[in-house]
Protein backbone atom coordinates (compact mmCIF):
# COMPACT_ATOMS: atom_id res chain seq x y z
CA MET A 1 16.60 -10.09 -8.50
CA HIS A 2 14.63 -13.25 -7.84
CA ILE A 3 11.19 -13.85 -9.37
CA LEU A 4 8.75 -16.19 -7.63
CA ARG A 5 5.49 -17.30 -9.18
CA ILE A 6 2.67 -17.02 -6.69
CA ASP A 7 -1.00 -17.99 -6.77
CA PRO A 8 -2.94 -14.70 -6.52
CA LYS A 9 -5.86 -16.41 -4.79
CA LYS A 10 -4.00 -18.84 -2.53
CA PRO A 11 -0.45 -17.57 -1.95
CA ASP A 12 1.86 -20.25 -0.58
CA ALA A 13 3.45 -19.88 2.83
CA ALA A 14 6.99 -20.47 1.56
CA SER A 15 6.85 -17.57 -0.91
CA LEU A 16 5.36 -15.25 1.70
CA LYS A 17 8.01 -16.23 4.24
CA LYS A 18 10.71 -15.52 1.66
CA ALA A 19 9.20 -12.14 0.81
CA ALA A 20 8.88 -11.17 4.48
CA SER A 21 12.51 -12.10 5.10
CA VAL A 22 13.61 -9.91 2.17
CA LEU A 23 11.59 -7.01 3.57
CA LYS A 24 13.00 -7.46 7.08
CA ALA A 25 16.51 -7.49 5.63
CA GLY A 26 15.91 -4.07 4.05
CA GLY A 27 15.12 -5.30 0.54
CA LEU A 28 12.48 -4.21 -1.97
CA VAL A 29 9.64 -6.51 -3.03
CA VAL A 30 7.24 -6.21 -5.97
CA TYR A 31 3.84 -7.73 -5.25
CA PRO A 32 0.27 -7.68 -6.62
CA THR A 33 -2.60 -5.66 -5.15
CA GLU A 34 -6.24 -5.14 -6.08
CA THR A 35 -5.29 -2.13 -8.21
CA ALA A 36 -1.87 -2.91 -9.77
CA TYR A 37 1.61 -4.21 -8.94
CA ALA A 38 3.16 -2.44 -5.98
CA LEU A 39 6.72 -1.80 -4.89
CA GLY A 40 7.09 -2.40 -1.18
CA CYS A 41 9.54 -2.26 1.68
CA ASP A 42 9.57 -2.39 5.46
CA PRO A 43 8.40 1.06 6.61
CA LYS A 44 10.62 0.77 9.68
CA SER A 45 13.81 0.42 7.61
CA ALA A 46 15.34 3.82 6.86
CA LYS A 47 17.74 2.18 4.41
CA ALA A 48 14.93 0.49 2.49
CA VAL A 49 12.72 3.58 2.39
CA LYS A 50 15.58 5.72 1.08
CA ARG A 51 16.40 3.14 -1.58
CA LEU A 52 12.76 2.84 -2.65
CA PHE A 53 12.60 6.58 -3.28
CA SER A 54 15.75 6.28 -5.38
CA VAL A 55 14.56 3.26 -7.41
CA LYS A 56 11.27 4.97 -8.25
CA ALA A 57 12.86 8.41 -8.71
CA ARG A 58 10.09 9.56 -6.40
CA ASP A 59 10.01 13.06 -4.93
CA ALA A 60 11.26 12.66 -1.35
CA SER A 61 8.59 15.08 -0.14
CA LYS A 62 5.81 12.67 -1.12
CA PRO A 63 4.95 10.26 1.73
CA LEU A 64 4.52 6.54 1.12
CA PRO A 65 1.17 4.74 1.36
CA LEU A 66 0.84 1.53 3.35
CA ILE A 67 -1.17 -1.68 3.08
CA ALA A 68 -2.31 -3.36 6.28
CA ALA A 69 -3.39 -6.96 6.68
CA THR A 70 -6.38 -6.22 8.92
CA ARG A 71 -8.39 -3.42 10.49
CA SER A 72 -6.60 -4.13 13.76
CA GLN A 73 -3.20 -3.68 12.14
CA ALA A 74 -4.35 -0.47 10.45
CA SER A 75 -5.73 0.96 13.70
CA LYS A 76 -2.31 0.57 15.31
CA THR A 77 -0.83 2.56 12.44
CA ALA A 78 -3.10 5.62 12.15
CA ARG A 79 -5.59 7.09 14.61
CA SER A 80 -9.12 6.93 13.22
CA GLY A 81 -12.00 9.18 14.20
CA VAL A 82 -15.72 8.66 13.65
CA PHE A 83 -15.63 9.48 9.93
CA ALA A 84 -12.57 7.34 9.24
CA ARG A 85 -14.13 4.38 11.04
CA ALA A 86 -17.34 4.79 9.05
CA LEU A 87 -15.43 4.78 5.77
CA ALA A 88 -13.38 1.79 6.86
CA ASP A 89 -16.59 -0.06 7.77
CA ALA A 90 -17.99 0.65 4.33
CA PHE A 91 -14.98 0.05 2.08
CA TRP A 92 -12.36 -2.10 3.81
CA PRO A 93 -10.95 -4.38 2.62
CA GLY A 94 -10.89 -2.35 -0.58
CA PRO A 95 -9.26 0.41 -2.65
CA LEU A 96 -9.78 3.25 -0.17
CA THR A 97 -6.69 4.79 1.42
CA LEU A 98 -7.31 6.74 4.62
CA VAL A 99 -4.96 9.50 5.72
CA ALA A 100 -4.96 10.10 9.46
CA PRO A 101 -2.60 11.08 12.30
CA ALA A 102 0.18 8.56 12.82
CA ALA A 103 -0.15 6.12 15.70
CA ALA A 104 3.13 4.34 14.91
CA ARG A 105 6.67 5.51 14.25
CA PHE A 106 8.21 4.61 10.90
CA ALA A 107 11.27 5.67 8.92
CA THR A 108 11.56 9.23 7.65
CA GLY A 109 9.64 9.62 4.40
CA VAL A 110 6.75 7.32 5.23
CA ALA A 111 4.64 9.85 7.13
CA SER A 112 3.78 13.28 5.76
CA LYS A 113 5.14 16.54 7.18
CA ARG A 114 1.79 16.85 8.94
CA GLY A 115 2.54 13.67 10.84
CA GLU A 116 -0.07 11.63 8.96
CA LEU A 117 0.05 8.14 7.51
CA ALA A 118 -1.86 6.81 4.51
CA VAL A 119 -3.11 3.24 4.95
CA ARG A 120 -5.63 0.82 3.50
CA VAL A 121 -6.63 -2.80 4.10
CA SER A 122 -6.24 -4.63 0.81
CA PRO A 123 -8.65 -7.35 -0.33
CA HIS A 124 -5.89 -8.93 -2.43
CA PRO A 125 -4.81 -12.22 -0.79
CA VAL A 126 -1.11 -11.69 -1.57
CA ALA A 127 -0.92 -8.07 -0.38
CA ALA A 128 -2.81 -8.77 2.83
CA ALA A 129 -0.81 -11.93 3.55
CA LEU A 130 2.47 -10.09 2.97
CA ALA A 131 1.58 -7.43 5.56
CA LYS A 132 0.58 -10.22 7.95
CA ALA A 133 3.86 -12.06 7.37
CA LEU A 134 5.85 -8.86 7.93
CA GLY A 135 3.96 -8.21 11.15
CA ARG A 136 3.13 -4.61 10.27
CA PRO A 137 1.84 -2.68 7.26
CA VAL A 138 4.01 -2.81 4.16
CA VAL A 139 4.83 0.15 1.94
CA SER A 140 2.68 0.02 -1.19
CA THR A 141 3.58 2.46 -3.94
CA SER A 142 3.05 1.69 -7.62
CA ALA A 143 5.76 -0.53 -9.14
CA ASN A 144 6.78 1.94 -11.82
CA ARG A 145 9.06 4.92 -12.15
CA SER A 146 7.43 8.13 -10.95
CA GLY A 147 5.32 9.47 -13.79
CA GLY A 148 5.57 6.16 -15.61
CA VAL A 149 2.92 3.71 -16.79
CA THR A 150 1.00 1.78 -14.15
CA ALA A 151 2.27 -1.81 -14.10
CA TYR A 152 -0.31 -4.60 -14.43
CA ASP A 153 2.19 -7.29 -15.41
CA ILE A 154 5.78 -8.19 -14.64
CA PRO A 155 7.25 -7.19 -18.05
CA SER A 156 5.97 -3.67 -17.41
CA VAL A 157 7.53 -3.67 -13.94
CA LEU A 158 10.90 -4.85 -15.27
CA ALA A 159 10.85 -2.37 -18.14
CA GLN A 160 10.67 0.48 -15.62
CA LEU A 161 12.47 -0.78 -12.52
CA GLY A 162 14.91 -3.23 -14.09
CA ALA A 163 16.49 -5.74 -11.72
CA LEU A 164 16.65 -3.34 -8.78
CA PRO A 165 13.99 -4.93 -6.50
CA GLU A 166 15.41 -7.96 -4.68
CA LEU A 167 12.25 -10.04 -5.10
CA VAL A 168 9.24 -10.08 -7.43
CA LEU A 169 6.08 -12.00 -6.56
CA ASP A 170 4.68 -12.78 -9.99
CA ALA A 171 0.92 -13.35 -9.96
CA GLY A 172 0.58 -13.03 -13.73
CA SER A 173 -1.26 -10.27 -15.55
CA LEU A 174 -3.61 -8.29 -13.31
CA LYS A 175 -6.98 -6.96 -14.34
CA GLN A 176 -6.62 -3.25 -14.95
CA ALA A 177 -8.40 -1.36 -12.18
CA PRO A 178 -8.66 2.24 -10.99
CA VAL A 179 -6.20 3.47 -8.37
CA SER A 180 -7.33 3.64 -4.76
CA THR A 181 -9.23 6.70 -3.63
CA ILE A 182 -7.28 8.69 -1.04
CA VAL A 183 -9.20 10.48 1.69
CA ARG A 184 -8.00 12.55 4.62
CA ALA A 185 -10.29 11.83 7.55
CA SER A 186 -9.08 13.61 10.66
CA ASP A 187 -10.19 16.38 13.02
CA GLY A 188 -13.79 15.91 11.92
CA VAL A 189 -12.94 16.76 8.31
CA VAL A 190 -13.17 14.53 5.23
CA GLU A 191 -11.14 15.66 2.22
CA ILE A 192 -10.75 13.73 -1.04
CA LEU A 193 -7.09 13.94 -2.02
CA ARG A 194 -7.43 11.62 -5.03
CA GLU A 195 -10.59 10.11 -6.46
CA GLY A 196 -10.19 6.59 -7.79
CA ALA A 197 -12.06 3.32 -7.38
CA VAL A 198 -14.35 4.71 -4.67
CA SER A 199 -16.39 7.64 -5.97
CA GLU A 200 -17.31 10.84 -4.15
CA ASP A 201 -20.95 9.72 -4.17
CA ASP A 202 -19.99 6.40 -2.57
CA LEU A 203 -18.12 8.23 0.16
CA HIS A 204 -21.02 10.60 0.75
CA ARG A 205 -23.50 7.76 1.14
CA ALA A 206 -21.26 6.00 3.63
CA LEU A 207 -20.79 9.16 5.72
CA MET A 208 -24.50 9.94 5.73
CA LYS A 209 -25.00 6.81 7.84
CA THR A 210 -23.02 8.44 10.66
CA LEU A 211 -25.37 11.43 10.86
C-alpha cells in the first residue's frame, strides 16, 4: 500500500495521474468524497471488481455505485428520463445517486440484475478529478468492511481494510456527513431506495417543477 497526501480542495495532477494509473492496472484506490472515504476501482476491470467485493466482504449480489466527473460522463453511463434529468439539475454535483438503465457496459457486479447502474456527480474536487483522470466513472463504495463503521479518516480505513488497497489518497479527516440519497428514476417512476443527505421533501420540490 502507498499513501499519498492530497489537497482536498486543489488535488495535484501528479497524485491524480498516479491514482488513475493504479485504477487502470486493476488496483484499488481509497479516496475522499463529499460524504466519506470511498473504496474505488475501474468498473471495466473484472479482476478489480471481484477483488473489491472480497476486500470489503461485500455481498456479490449488491451492485456497486459510481461517481462521475461531469453530467456528460454520467449521461454516457446511465440513461436518464425526464425525472432523472430534473433531479440531476437540482442536486448535481451533490450527494444524490440516481439509479437508471445502463448505457455503458461494465464488469459483472457493477450493474444490478435489472440492468441498472447507480451514479452520481460528486462535488468533491478529488473524487470528480479522479473520475476525469480515469476517463470514465469510478466505483465509489464506502471504504470500510461491509457492516462496518463509515470511515471519515485514514486510521479508520486502515483499521478495517488493512493494507489491501494499493493506493490511499489521504485528504485528512473529513467532516462527517450523511450518506448519499439513492433514487431509482426510470420508466416514469421515482422510488427512494435510501434516504440520506437529500430529503424526500427536497426531491418532491424538485420534481414538482417538471409538472
